[in-house]
Amino acid sequence: MERKQALTPWCILLTAGSVSFAVCLHLPVGLIRVNRISSNTAVIHDFCVLPTLQGQGLGRSILAAAVELLLAEPDLHIRLGVVTDNKQALKLYRSAGFAVTGEFLYYTGPVSALT
């Protein structure tokens, strides 16, 4: 089911399945994904806004719209995944009421080491 939700007078959030796109003046400007990990838990991740449009409140509007859709479901727990080095994102999430409750470590290395 596809849904449209106003973000600003000139932006909408288009949602289809687990992916939502922010569209302003008919141009895609951001993305936010929500996956269900159980019947009562959803995880927000892969949230981004074009760098040239960051710092203008668009990210806050997109996040608020996604959370509003999720909170329409009773007893739903919302989690959020973020790279903890992204200080600007952490500031947004904390100001929206999210708190850091755990941290996962990711490792990088050459793929050739697997063969």
PDB file of N, CA and C in Angstrom:
ATOM      1  N   MET A   1       0.845  -1.175   0.000  1.00  0.00           N
ATOM      2  CA  MET A   1       0.000   0.000   0.000  1.00  0.00           C
ATOM      3  C   MET A   1       0.892   1.239   0.000  1.00  0.00           C
ATOM      4  N   GLU A   2       0.610   2.140  -0.883  1.00  0.00           N
ATOM      5  CA  GLU A   2       1.373   3.376  -0.964  1.00  0.00           C
ATOM      6  C   GLU A   2       0.640   4.473  -0.205  1.00  0.00           C
ATOM      7  N   ARG A   3       1.411   5.274   0.564  1.00  0.00           N
ATOM      8  CA  ARG A   3       0.838   6.393   1.309  1.00  0.00           C
ATOM      9  C   ARG A   3       1.601   7.658   0.965  1.00  0.00           C
ATOM     10  N   LYS A   4       0.903   8.776   1.023  1.00  0.00           N
ATOM     11  CA  LYS A   4       1.527  10.087   0.840  1.00  0.00           C
ATOM     12  C   LYS A   4       1.239  10.901   2.091  1.00  0.00           C
ATOM     13  N   GLN A   5       2.270  11.576   2.593  1.00  0.00           N
ATOM     14  CA  GLN A   5       2.117  12.382   3.794  1.00  0.00           C
ATOM     15  C   GLN A   5       2.861  13.692   3.588  1.00  0.00           C
ATOM     16  N   ALA A   6       2.215  14.815   3.888  1.00  0.00           N
ATOM     17  CA  ALA A   6       2.846  16.123   3.715  1.00  0.00           C
ATOM     18  C   ALA A   6       3.933  16.331   4.759  1.00  0.00           C
ATOM     19  N   LEU A   7       5.079  16.833   4.322  1.00  0.00           N
ATOM     20  CA  LEU A   7       6.169  17.212   5.220  1.00  0.00           C
ATOM     21  C   LEU A   7       6.217  18.719   5.388  1.00  0.00           C
ATOM     22  N   THR A   8       6.114  19.404   4.274  1.00  0.00           N
ATOM     23  CA  THR A   8       6.082  20.866   4.225  1.00  0.00           C
ATOM     24  C   THR A   8       5.110  21.196   3.084  1.00  0.00           C
ATOM     25  N   PRO A   9       4.816  22.461   2.868  1.00  0.00           N
ATOM     26  CA  PRO A   9       3.930  22.780   1.739  1.00  0.00           C
ATOM     27  C   PRO A   9       4.474  22.304   0.385  1.00  0.00           C
ATOM     28  N   TRP A  10       5.773  22.065   0.290  1.00  0.00           N
ATOM     29  CA  TRP A  10       6.357  21.679  -0.996  1.00  0.00           C
ATOM     30  C   TRP A  10       7.026  20.310  -0.979  1.00  0.00           C
ATOM     31  N   CYS A  11       6.891  19.567   0.139  1.00  0.00           N
ATOM     32  CA  CYS A  11       7.507  18.238   0.248  1.00  0.00           C
ATOM     33  C   CYS A  11       6.504  17.213   0.748  1.00  0.00           C
ATOM     34  N   ILE A  12       6.632  15.978   0.231  1.00  0.00           N
ATOM     35  CA  ILE A  12       5.801  14.875   0.704  1.00  0.00           C
ATOM     36  C   ILE A  12       6.690  13.669   1.002  1.00  0.00           C
ATOM     37  N   LEU A  13       6.166  12.778   1.832  1.00  0.00           N
ATOM     38  CA  LEU A  13       6.821  11.513   2.109  1.00  0.00           C
ATOM     39  C   LEU A  13       5.994  10.432   1.428  1.00  0.00           C
ATOM     40  N   LEU A  14       6.592   9.745   0.458  1.00  0.00           N
ATOM     41  CA  LEU A  14       5.930   8.657  -0.251  1.00  0.00           C
ATOM     42  C   LEU A  14       6.386   7.350   0.368  1.00  0.00           C
ATOM     43  N   THR A  15       5.443   6.555   0.852  1.00  0.00           N
ATOM     44  CA  THR A  15       5.781   5.306   1.512  1.00  0.00           C
ATOM     45  C   THR A  15       5.192   4.136   0.744  1.00  0.00           C
ATOM     46  N   ALA A  16       6.048   3.170   0.462  1.00  0.00           N
ATOM     47  CA  ALA A  16       5.615   1.922  -0.184  1.00  0.00           C
ATOM     48  C   ALA A  16       6.376   0.791   0.497  1.00  0.00           C
ATOM     49  N   GLY A  17       5.667  -0.036   1.223  1.00  0.00           N
ATOM     50  CA  GLY A  17       6.323  -1.118   1.944  1.00  0.00           C
ATOM     51  C   GLY A  17       7.209  -0.569   3.037  1.00  0.00           C
ATOM     52  N   SER A  18       8.473  -0.993   3.066  1.00  0.00           N
ATOM     53  CA  SER A  18       9.383  -0.590   4.135  1.00  0.00           C
ATOM     54  C   SER A  18      10.225   0.636   3.793  1.00  0.00           C
ATOM     55  N   VAL A  19      10.013   1.205   2.613  1.00  0.00           N
ATOM     56  CA  VAL A  19      10.843   2.333   2.173  1.00  0.00           C
ATOM     57  C   VAL A  19       9.986   3.571   1.963  1.00  0.00           C
ATOM     58  N   SER A  20      10.491   4.705   2.448  1.00  0.00           N
ATOM     59  CA  SER A  20       9.831   5.986   2.216  1.00  0.00           C
ATOM     60  C   SER A  20      10.829   6.935   1.558  1.00  0.00           C
ATOM     61  N   PHE A  21      10.342   7.680   0.584  1.00  0.00           N
ATOM     62  CA  PHE A  21      11.163   8.670  -0.107  1.00  0.00           C
ATOM     63  C   PHE A  21      10.599  10.046   0.176  1.00  0.00           C
ATOM     64  N   ALA A  22      11.481  10.979   0.516  1.00  0.00           N
ATOM     65  CA  ALA A  22      11.071  12.371   0.643  1.00  0.00           C
ATOM     66  C   ALA A  22      11.229  13.009  -0.724  1.00  0.00           C
ATOM     67  N   VAL A  23      10.174  13.673  -1.172  1.00  0.00           N
ATOM     68  CA  VAL A  23      10.170  14.293  -2.490  1.00  0.00           C
ATOM     69  C   VAL A  23       9.774  15.759  -2.331  1.00  0.00           C
ATOM     70  N   CYS A  24      10.623  16.633  -2.832  1.00  0.00           N
ATOM     71  CA  CYS A  24      10.352  18.068  -2.774  1.00  0.00           C
ATOM     72  C   CYS A  24      10.394  18.624  -4.186  1.00  0.00           C
ATOM     73  N   LEU A  25       9.335  19.303  -4.550  1.00  0.00           N
ATOM     74  CA  LEU A  25       9.232  19.878  -5.894  1.00  0.00           C
ATOM     75  C   LEU A  25       9.550  18.822  -6.956  1.00  0.00           C
ATOM     76  N   HIS A  26       9.022  17.614  -6.742  1.00  0.00           N
ATOM     77  CA  HIS A  26       9.130  16.479  -7.666  1.00  0.00           C
ATOM     78  C   HIS A  26      10.542  15.892  -7.767  1.00  0.00           C
ATOM     79  N   LEU A  27      11.433  16.264  -6.847  1.00  0.00           N
ATOM     80  CA  LEU A  27      12.785  15.714  -6.844  1.00  0.00           C
ATOM     81  C   LEU A  27      13.005  14.910  -5.573  1.00  0.00           C
ATOM     82  N   PRO A  28      13.586  13.696  -5.676  1.00  0.00           N
ATOM     83  CA  PRO A  28      13.884  12.931  -4.456  1.00  0.00           C
ATOM     84  C   PRO A  28      14.989  13.621  -3.667  1.00  0.00           C
ATOM     85  N   VAL A  29      14.761  13.792  -2.366  1.00  0.00           N
ATOM     86  CA  VAL A  29      15.738  14.499  -1.531  1.00  0.00           C
ATOM     87  C   VAL A  29      16.185  13.684  -0.323  1.00  0.00           C
ATOM     88  N   GLY A  30      15.514  12.569  -0.045  1.00  0.00           N
ATOM     89  CA  GLY A  30      15.874  11.777   1.117  1.00  0.00           C
ATOM     90  C   GLY A  30      15.226  10.412   1.084  1.00  0.00           C
ATOM     91  N   LEU A  31      15.666   9.573   2.014  1.00  0.00           N
ATOM     92  CA  LEU A  31      15.191   8.195   2.098  1.00  0.00           C
ATOM     93  C   LEU A  31      15.168   7.788   3.562  1.00  0.00           C
ATOM     94  N   ILE A  32      14.172   7.003   3.939  1.00  0.00           N
ATOM     95  CA  ILE A  32      14.127   6.414   5.279  1.00  0.00           C
ATOM     96  C   ILE A  32      13.506   5.031   5.144  1.00  0.00           C
ATOM     97  N   ARG A  33      14.129   4.040   5.773  1.00  0.00           N
ATOM     98  CA  ARG A  33      13.628   2.663   5.704  1.00  0.00           C
ATOM     99  C   ARG A  33      13.177   2.229   7.082  1.00  0.00           C
ATOM    100  N   VAL A  34      12.116   1.431   7.110  1.00  0.00           N
ATOM    101  CA  VAL A  34      11.601   0.867   8.354  1.00  0.00           C
ATOM    102  C   VAL A  34      11.393  -0.624   8.132  1.00  0.00           C
ATOM    103  N   ASN A  35      12.018  -1.428   8.963  1.00  0.00           N
ATOM    104  CA  ASN A  35      11.833  -2.875   8.895  1.00  0.00           C
ATOM    105  C   ASN A  35      11.193  -3.364  10.180  1.00  0.00           C
ATOM    106  N   ARG A  36      10.312  -4.331  10.049  1.00  0.00           N
ATOM    107  CA  ARG A  36       9.693  -4.976  11.204  1.00  0.00           C
ATOM    108  C   ARG A  36      10.555  -6.153  11.607  1.00  0.00           C
ATOM    109  N   ILE A  37      10.958  -6.205  12.877  1.00  0.00           N
ATOM    110  CA  ILE A  37      11.711  -7.360  13.341  1.00  0.00           C
ATOM    111  C   ILE A  37      10.831  -8.273  14.196  1.00  0.00           C
ATOM    112  N   SER A  38       9.653  -7.779  14.533  1.00  0.00           N
ATOM    113  CA  SER A  38       8.638  -8.591  15.205  1.00  0.00           C
ATOM    114  C   SER A  38       7.308  -7.880  15.018  1.00  0.00           C
ATOM    115  N   SER A  39       6.240  -8.482  15.524  1.00  0.00           N
ATOM    116  CA  SER A  39       4.913  -7.878  15.336  1.00  0.00           C
ATOM    117  C   SER A  39       4.769  -6.550  16.071  1.00  0.00           C
ATOM    118  N   ASN A  40       5.593  -6.321  17.106  1.00  0.00           N
ATOM    119  CA  ASN A  40       5.458  -5.070  17.853  1.00  0.00           C
ATOM    120  C   ASN A  40       6.739  -4.232  17.887  1.00  0.00           C
ATOM    121  N   THR A  41       7.703  -4.527  16.985  1.00  0.00           N
ATOM    122  CA  THR A  41       8.946  -3.760  16.959  1.00  0.00           C
ATOM    123  C   THR A  41       9.331  -3.402  15.528  1.00  0.00           C
ATOM    124  N   ALA A  42       9.591  -2.112  15.301  1.00  0.00           N
ATOM    125  CA  ALA A  42      10.039  -1.614  14.003  1.00  0.00           C
ATOM    126  C   ALA A  42      11.390  -0.929  14.185  1.00  0.00           C
ATOM    127  N   VAL A  43      12.249  -1.057  13.173  1.00  0.00           N
ATOM    128  CA  VAL A  43      13.573  -0.442  13.216  1.00  0.00           C
ATOM    129  C   VAL A  43      13.702   0.549  12.063  1.00  0.00           C
ATOM    130  N   ILE A  44      14.006   1.802  12.391  1.00  0.00           N
ATOM    131  CA  ILE A  44      14.283   2.832  11.392  1.00  0.00           C
ATOM    132  C   ILE A  44      15.777   2.767  11.078  1.00  0.00           C
ATOM    133  N   HIS A  45      16.111   2.736   9.794  1.00  0.00           N
ATOM    134  CA  HIS A  45      17.522   2.700   9.403  1.00  0.00           C
ATOM    135  C   HIS A  45      17.687   3.257   7.993  1.00  0.00           C
ATOM    136  N   ASP A  46      18.915   3.344   7.549  1.00  0.00           N
ATOM    137  CA  ASP A  46      19.235   3.856   6.209  1.00  0.00           C
ATOM    138  C   ASP A  46      18.541   5.194   5.941  1.00  0.00           C
ATOM    139  N   PHE A  47      18.559   6.068   6.920  1.00  0.00           N
ATOM    140  CA  PHE A  47      17.915   7.369   6.811  1.00  0.00           C
ATOM    141  C   PHE A  47      18.932   8.378   6.302  1.00  0.00           C
ATOM    142  N   CYS A  48      18.589   9.063   5.224  1.00  0.00           N
ATOM    143  CA  CYS A  48      19.519  10.044   4.672  1.00  0.00           C
ATOM    144  C   CYS A  48      18.773  11.188   3.992  1.00  0.00           C
ATOM    145  N   VAL A  49      19.428  12.318   3.955  1.00  0.00           N
ATOM    146  CA  VAL A  49      18.969  13.513   3.242  1.00  0.00           C
ATOM    147  C   VAL A  49      20.150  13.970   2.398  1.00  0.00           C
ATOM    148  N   LEU A  50      19.882  14.417   1.197  1.00  0.00           N
ATOM    149  CA  LEU A  50      20.966  14.920   0.348  1.00  0.00           C
ATOM    150  C   LEU A  50      21.816  15.931   1.117  1.00  0.00           C
ATOM    151  N   PRO A  51      23.136  15.801   1.033  1.00  0.00           N
ATOM    152  CA  PRO A  51      24.016  16.716   1.783  1.00  0.00           C
ATOM    153  C   PRO A  51      23.720  18.193   1.537  1.00  0.00           C
ATOM    154  N   THR A  52      23.362  18.563   0.318  1.00  0.00           N
ATOM    155  CA  THR A  52      23.107  19.972   0.010  1.00  0.00           C
ATOM    156  C   THR A  52      21.840  20.499   0.687  1.00  0.00           C
ATOM    157  N   LEU A  53      20.989  19.597   1.186  1.00  0.00           N
ATOM    158  CA  LEU A  53      19.744  20.011   1.829  1.00  0.00           C
ATOM    159  C   LEU A  53      19.739  19.760   3.333  1.00  0.00           C
ATOM    160  N   GLN A  54      20.848  19.280   3.871  1.00  0.00           N
ATOM    161  CA  GLN A  54      20.927  19.039   5.307  1.00  0.00           C
ATOM    162  C   GLN A  54      21.000  20.351   6.064  1.00  0.00           C
ATOM    163  N   GLY A  55      20.546  20.329   7.306  1.00  0.00           N
ATOM    164  CA  GLY A  55      20.603  21.518   8.157  1.00  0.00           C
ATOM    165  C   GLY A  55      19.452  22.478   7.956  1.00  0.00           C
ATOM    166  N   GLN A  56      18.426  22.071   7.203  1.00  0.00           N
ATOM    167  CA  GLN A  56      17.286  22.951   6.922  1.00  0.00           C
ATOM    168  C   GLN A  56      15.995  22.452   7.563  1.00  0.00           C
ATOM    169  N   GLY A  57      16.087  21.396   8.403  1.00  0.00           N
ATOM    170  CA  GLY A  57      14.896  20.876   9.074  1.00  0.00           C
ATOM    171  C   GLY A  57      14.170  19.787   8.312  1.00  0.00           C
ATOM    172  N   LEU A  58      14.644  19.475   7.124  1.00  0.00           N
ATOM    173  CA  LEU A  58      13.972  18.450   6.323  1.00  0.00           C
ATOM    174  C   LEU A  58      14.100  17.074   6.977  1.00  0.00           C
ATOM    175  N   GLY A  59      15.280  16.758   7.497  1.00  0.00           N
ATOM    176  CA  GLY A  59      15.480  15.475   8.178  1.00  0.00           C
ATOM    177  C   GLY A  59      14.540  15.319   9.360  1.00  0.00           C
ATOM    178  N   ARG A  60      14.382  16.373  10.133  1.00  0.00           N
ATOM    179  CA  ARG A  60      13.470  16.340  11.279  1.00  0.00           C
ATOM    180  C   ARG A  60      12.037  16.092  10.815  1.00  0.00           C
ATOM    181  N   SER A  61      11.637  16.724   9.721  1.00  0.00           N
ATOM    182  CA  SER A  61      10.278  16.527   9.188  1.00  0.00           C
ATOM    183  C   SER A  61      10.071  15.093   8.700  1.00  0.00           C
ATOM    184  N   ILE A  62      11.077  14.541   8.023  1.00  0.00           N
ATOM    185  CA  ILE A  62      10.978  13.165   7.526  1.00  0.00           C
ATOM    186  C   ILE A  62      10.892  12.200   8.697  1.00  0.00           C
ATOM    187  N   LEU A  63      11.761  12.369   9.688  1.00  0.00           N
ATOM    188  CA  LEU A  63      11.751  11.504  10.859  1.00  0.00           C
ATOM    189  C   LEU A  63      10.418  11.602  11.595  1.00  0.00           C
ATOM    190  N   ALA A  64       9.918  12.816  11.779  1.00  0.00           N
ATOM    191  CA  ALA A  64       8.643  13.012  12.476  1.00  0.00           C
ATOM    192  C   ALA A  64       7.495  12.330  11.738  1.00  0.00           C
ATOM    193  N   ALA A  65       7.487  12.425  10.407  1.00  0.00           N
ATOM    194  CA  ALA A  65       6.426  11.792   9.622  1.00  0.00           C
ATOM    195  C   ALA A  65       6.490  10.273   9.741  1.00  0.00           C
ATOM    196  N   ALA A  66       7.698   9.710   9.687  1.00  0.00           N
ATOM    197  CA  ALA A  66       7.846   8.259   9.813  1.00  0.00           C
ATOM    198  C   ALA A  66       7.419   7.784  11.195  1.00  0.00           C
ATOM    199  N   VAL A  67       7.836   8.498  12.235  1.00  0.00           N
ATOM    200  CA  VAL A  67       7.462   8.131  13.603  1.00  0.00           C
ATOM    201  C   VAL A  67       5.955   8.262  13.796  1.00  0.00           C
ATOM    202  N   GLU A  68       5.369   9.298  13.224  1.00  0.00           N
ATOM    203  CA  GLU A  68       3.912   9.478  13.332  1.00  0.00           C
ATOM    204  C   GLU A  68       3.163   8.291  12.729  1.00  0.00           C
ATOM    205  N   LEU A  69       3.611   7.827  11.565  1.00  0.00           N
ATOM    206  CA  LEU A  69       2.989   6.655  10.944  1.00  0.00           C
ATOM    207  C   LEU A  69       3.116   5.428  11.849  1.00  0.00           C
ATOM    208  N   LEU A  70       4.292   5.247  12.430  1.00  0.00           N
ATOM    209  CA  LEU A  70       4.517   4.079  13.282  1.00  0.00           C
ATOM    210  C   LEU A  70       3.714   4.158  14.577  1.00  0.00           C
ATOM    211  N   LEU A  71       3.629   5.337  15.166  1.00  0.00           N
ATOM    212  CA  LEU A  71       2.908   5.484  16.433  1.00  0.00           C
ATOM    213  C   LEU A  71       1.399   5.318  16.279  1.00  0.00           C
ATOM    214  N   ALA A  72       0.915   5.310  15.051  1.00  0.00           N
ATOM    215  CA  ALA A  72      -0.511   5.061  14.826  1.00  0.00           C
ATOM    216  C   ALA A  72      -0.874   3.614  15.173  1.00  0.00           C
ATOM    217  N   GLU A  73       0.141   2.769  15.290  1.00  0.00           N
ATOM    218  CA  GLU A  73      -0.076   1.372  15.663  1.00  0.00           C
ATOM    219  C   GLU A  73       0.105   1.225  17.167  1.00  0.00           C
ATOM    220  N   PRO A  74      -0.892   0.681  17.858  1.00  0.00           N
ATOM    221  CA  PRO A  74      -0.799   0.569  19.316  1.00  0.00           C
ATOM    222  C   PRO A  74       0.312  -0.386  19.749  1.00  0.00           C
ATOM    223  N   ASP A  75       0.972  -0.022  20.835  1.00  0.00           N
ATOM    224  CA  ASP A  75       2.004  -0.864  21.470  1.00  0.00           C
ATOM    225  C   ASP A  75       3.178  -1.200  20.557  1.00  0.00           C
ATOM    226  N   LEU A  76       3.486  -0.339  19.615  1.00  0.00           N
ATOM    227  CA  LEU A  76       4.632  -0.578  18.736  1.00  0.00           C
ATOM    228  C   LEU A  76       5.875   0.057  19.336  1.00  0.00           C
ATOM    229  N   HIS A  77       6.946  -0.698  19.412  1.00  0.00           N
ATOM    230  CA  HIS A  77       8.236  -0.197  19.887  1.00  0.00           C
ATOM    231  C   HIS A  77       9.057   0.216  18.673  1.00  0.00           C
ATOM    232  N   ILE A  78       9.681   1.387  18.760  1.00  0.00           N
ATOM    233  CA  ILE A  78      10.474   1.896  17.641  1.00  0.00           C
ATOM    234  C   ILE A  78      11.945   1.903  18.048  1.00  0.00           C
ATOM    235  N   ARG A  79      12.763   1.298  17.199  1.00  0.00           N
ATOM    236  CA  ARG A  79      14.216   1.337  17.369  1.00  0.00           C
ATOM    237  C   ARG A  79      14.796   2.098  16.185  1.00  0.00           C
ATOM    238  N   LEU A  80      16.017   2.557  16.355  1.00  0.00           N
ATOM    239  CA  LEU A  80      16.640   3.333  15.299  1.00  0.00           C
ATOM    240  C   LEU A  80      18.103   2.914  15.191  1.00  0.00           C
ATOM    241  N   GLY A  81      18.535   2.618  13.969  1.00  0.00           N
ATOM    242  CA  GLY A  81      19.933   2.282  13.737  1.00  0.00           C
ATOM    243  C   GLY A  81      20.659   3.471  13.145  1.00  0.00           C
ATOM    244  N   VAL A  82      21.849   3.766  13.668  1.00  0.00           N
ATOM    245  CA  VAL A  82      22.624   4.910  13.198  1.00  0.00           C
ATOM    246  C   VAL A  82      24.111   4.617  13.383  1.00  0.00           C
ATOM    247  N   VAL A  83      24.927   5.139  12.504  1.00  0.00           N
ATOM    248  CA  VAL A  83      26.371   5.070  12.668  1.00  0.00           C
ATOM    249  C   VAL A  83      26.730   6.093  13.741  1.00  0.00           C
ATOM    250  N   THR A  84      27.325   5.635  14.829  1.00  0.00           N
ATOM    251  CA  THR A  84      27.540   6.531  15.974  1.00  0.00           C
ATOM    252  C   THR A  84      28.590   7.611  15.715  1.00  0.00           C
ATOM    253  N   ASP A  85      29.324   7.501  14.617  1.00  0.00           N
ATOM    254  CA  ASP A  85      30.255   8.571  14.258  1.00  0.00           C
ATOM    255  C   ASP A  85      29.529   9.766  13.637  1.00  0.00           C
ATOM    256  N   ASN A  86      28.271   9.596  13.282  1.00  0.00           N
ATOM    257  CA  ASN A  86      27.499  10.646  12.632  1.00  0.00           C
ATOM    258  C   ASN A  86      26.892  11.557  13.706  1.00  0.00           C
ATOM    259  N   LYS A  87      27.670  12.515  14.159  1.00  0.00           N
ATOM    260  CA  LYS A  87      27.264  13.387  15.273  1.00  0.00           C
ATOM    261  C   LYS A  87      26.022  14.208  14.952  1.00  0.00           C
ATOM    262  N   GLN A  88      25.879  14.648  13.707  1.00  0.00           N
ATOM    263  CA  GLN A  88      24.710  15.441  13.316  1.00  0.00           C
ATOM    264  C   GLN A  88      23.439  14.596  13.431  1.00  0.00           C
ATOM    265  N   ALA A  89      23.508  13.334  12.999  1.00  0.00           N
ATOM    266  CA  ALA A  89      22.353  12.436  13.104  1.00  0.00           C
ATOM    267  C   ALA A  89      22.033  12.138  14.562  1.00  0.00           C
ATOM    268  N   LEU A  90      23.060  11.860  15.365  1.00  0.00           N
ATOM    269  CA  LEU A  90      22.826  11.584  16.786  1.00  0.00           C
ATOM    270  C   LEU A  90      22.149  12.761  17.479  1.00  0.00           C
ATOM    271  N   LYS A  91      22.552  13.973  17.132  1.00  0.00           N
ATOM    272  CA  LYS A  91      21.932  15.170  17.717  1.00  0.00           C
ATOM    273  C   LYS A  91      20.441  15.221  17.361  1.00  0.00           C
ATOM    274  N   LEU A  92      20.122  14.946  16.095  1.00  0.00           N
ATOM    275  CA  LEU A  92      18.718  14.934  15.661  1.00  0.00           C
ATOM    276  C   LEU A  92      17.927  13.887  16.426  1.00  0.00           C
ATOM    277  N   TYR A  93      18.459  12.666  16.482  1.00  0.00           N
ATOM    278  CA  TYR A  93      17.718  11.575  17.124  1.00  0.00           C
ATOM    279  C   TYR A  93      17.530  11.825  18.617  1.00  0.00           C
ATOM    280  N   ARG A  94      18.558  12.328  19.276  1.00  0.00           N
ATOM    281  CA  ARG A  94      18.429  12.626  20.703  1.00  0.00           C
ATOM    282  C   ARG A  94      17.399  13.728  20.933  1.00  0.00           C
ATOM    283  N   SER A  95      17.402  14.750  20.091  1.00  0.00           N
ATOM    284  CA  SER A  95      16.435  15.843  20.258  1.00  0.00           C
ATOM    285  C   SER A  95      15.009  15.387  19.974  1.00  0.00           C
ATOM    286  N   ALA A  96      14.870  14.285  19.222  1.00  0.00           N
ATOM    287  CA  ALA A  96      13.544  13.735  18.933  1.00  0.00           C
ATOM    288  C   ALA A  96      13.095  12.747  20.004  1.00  0.00           C
ATOM    289  N   GLY A  97      13.957  12.499  21.003  1.00  0.00           N
ATOM    290  CA  GLY A  97      13.566  11.626  22.107  1.00  0.00           C
ATOM    291  C   GLY A  97      14.189  10.236  22.094  1.00  0.00           C
ATOM    292  N   PHE A  98      14.995   9.931  21.092  1.00  0.00           N
ATOM    293  CA  PHE A  98      15.684   8.641  21.051  1.00  0.00           C
ATOM    294  C   PHE A  98      16.909   8.705  21.972  1.00  0.00           C
ATOM    295  N   ALA A  99      17.284   7.545  22.514  1.00  0.00           N
ATOM    296  CA  ALA A  99      18.457   7.452  23.376  1.00  0.00           C
ATOM    297  C   ALA A  99      19.312   6.270  22.932  1.00  0.00           C
ATOM    298  N   VAL A 100      20.613   6.394  23.108  1.00  0.00           N
ATOM    299  CA  VAL A 100      21.521   5.298  22.789  1.00  0.00           C
ATOM    300  C   VAL A 100      21.370   4.242  23.877  1.00  0.00           C
ATOM    301  N   THR A 101      21.017   3.021  23.469  1.00  0.00           N
ATOM    302  CA  THR A 101      20.855   1.926  24.432  1.00  0.00           C
ATOM    303  C   THR A 101      21.806   0.777  24.155  1.00  0.00           C
ATOM    304  N   GLY A 102      22.469   0.809  23.021  1.00  0.00           N
ATOM    305  CA  GLY A 102      23.417  -0.235  22.674  1.00  0.00           C
ATOM    306  C   GLY A 102      24.236   0.200  21.493  1.00  0.00           C
ATOM    307  N   GLU A 103      25.340  -0.485  21.301  1.00  0.00           N
ATOM    308  CA  GLU A 103      26.221  -0.144  20.189  1.00  0.00           C
ATOM    309  C   GLU A 103      26.784  -1.425  19.594  1.00  0.00           C
ATOM    310  N   PHE A 104      26.819  -1.474  18.267  1.00  0.00           N
ATOM    311  CA  PHE A 104      27.384  -2.607  17.553  1.00  0.00           C
ATOM    312  C   PHE A 104      28.677  -2.156  16.887  1.00  0.00           C
ATOM    313  N   LEU A 105      29.657  -3.010  16.883  1.00  0.00           N
ATOM    314  CA  LEU A 105      30.915  -2.707  16.220  1.00  0.00           C
ATOM    315  C   LEU A 105      30.940  -3.385  14.864  1.00  0.00           C
ATOM    316  N   TYR A 106      31.379  -2.654  13.852  1.00  0.00           N
ATOM    317  CA  TYR A 106      31.498  -3.178  12.510  1.00  0.00           C
ATOM    318  C   TYR A 106      32.971  -3.210  12.139  1.00  0.00           C
ATOM    319  N   TYR A 107      33.351  -4.208  11.393  1.00  0.00           N
ATOM    320  CA  TYR A 107      34.738  -4.379  11.027  1.00  0.00           C
ATOM    321  C   TYR A 107      34.880  -4.318   9.517  1.00  0.00           C
ATOM    322  N   THR A 108      35.988  -3.814   9.058  1.00  0.00           N
ATOM    323  CA  THR A 108      36.267  -3.789   7.630  1.00  0.00           C
ATOM    324  C   THR A 108      37.569  -4.515   7.369  1.00  0.00           C
ATOM    325  N   GLY A 109      37.689  -4.989   6.178  1.00  0.00           N
ATOM    326  CA  GLY A 109      38.916  -5.678   5.796  1.00  0.00           C
ATOM    327  C   GLY A 109      38.812  -6.104   4.354  1.00  0.00           C
ATOM    328  N   PRO A 110      39.901  -6.556   3.801  1.00  0.00           N
ATOM    329  CA  PRO A 110      39.886  -6.969   2.388  1.00  0.00           C
ATOM    330  C   PRO A 110      39.075  -8.252   2.207  1.00  0.00           C
ATOM    331  N   VAL A 111      38.246  -8.247   1.186  1.00  0.00           N
ATOM    332  CA  VAL A 111      37.447  -9.436   0.866  1.00  0.00           C
ATOM    333  C   VAL A 111      38.356 -10.598   0.502  1.00  0.00           C
ATOM    334  N   SER A 112      39.514 -10.305  -0.058  1.00  0.00           N
ATOM    335  CA  SER A 112      40.437 -11.358  -0.463  1.00  0.00           C
ATOM    336  C   SER A 112      40.878 -12.200   0.738  1.00  0.00           C
ATOM    337  N   ALA A 113      40.764 -11.683   1.946  1.00  0.00           N
ATOM    338  CA  ALA A 113      41.155 -12.434   3.132  1.00  0.00           C
ATOM    339  C   ALA A 113      40.221 -13.623   3.365  1.00  0.00           C
ATOM    340  N   LEU A 114      39.059 -13.624   2.720  1.00  0.00           N
ATOM    341  CA  LEU A 114      38.082 -14.702   2.893  1.00  0.00           C
ATOM    342  C   LEU A 114      38.348 -15.876   1.970  1.00  0.00           C
ATOM    343  N   THR A 115      39.180 -15.680   0.974  1.00  0.00           N
ATOM    344  CA  THR A 115      39.388 -16.759  -0.006  1.00  0.00           C
ATOM    345  C   THR A 115      40.680 -17.501   0.238  1.00  0.00           C
TER     346      THR A 115
END
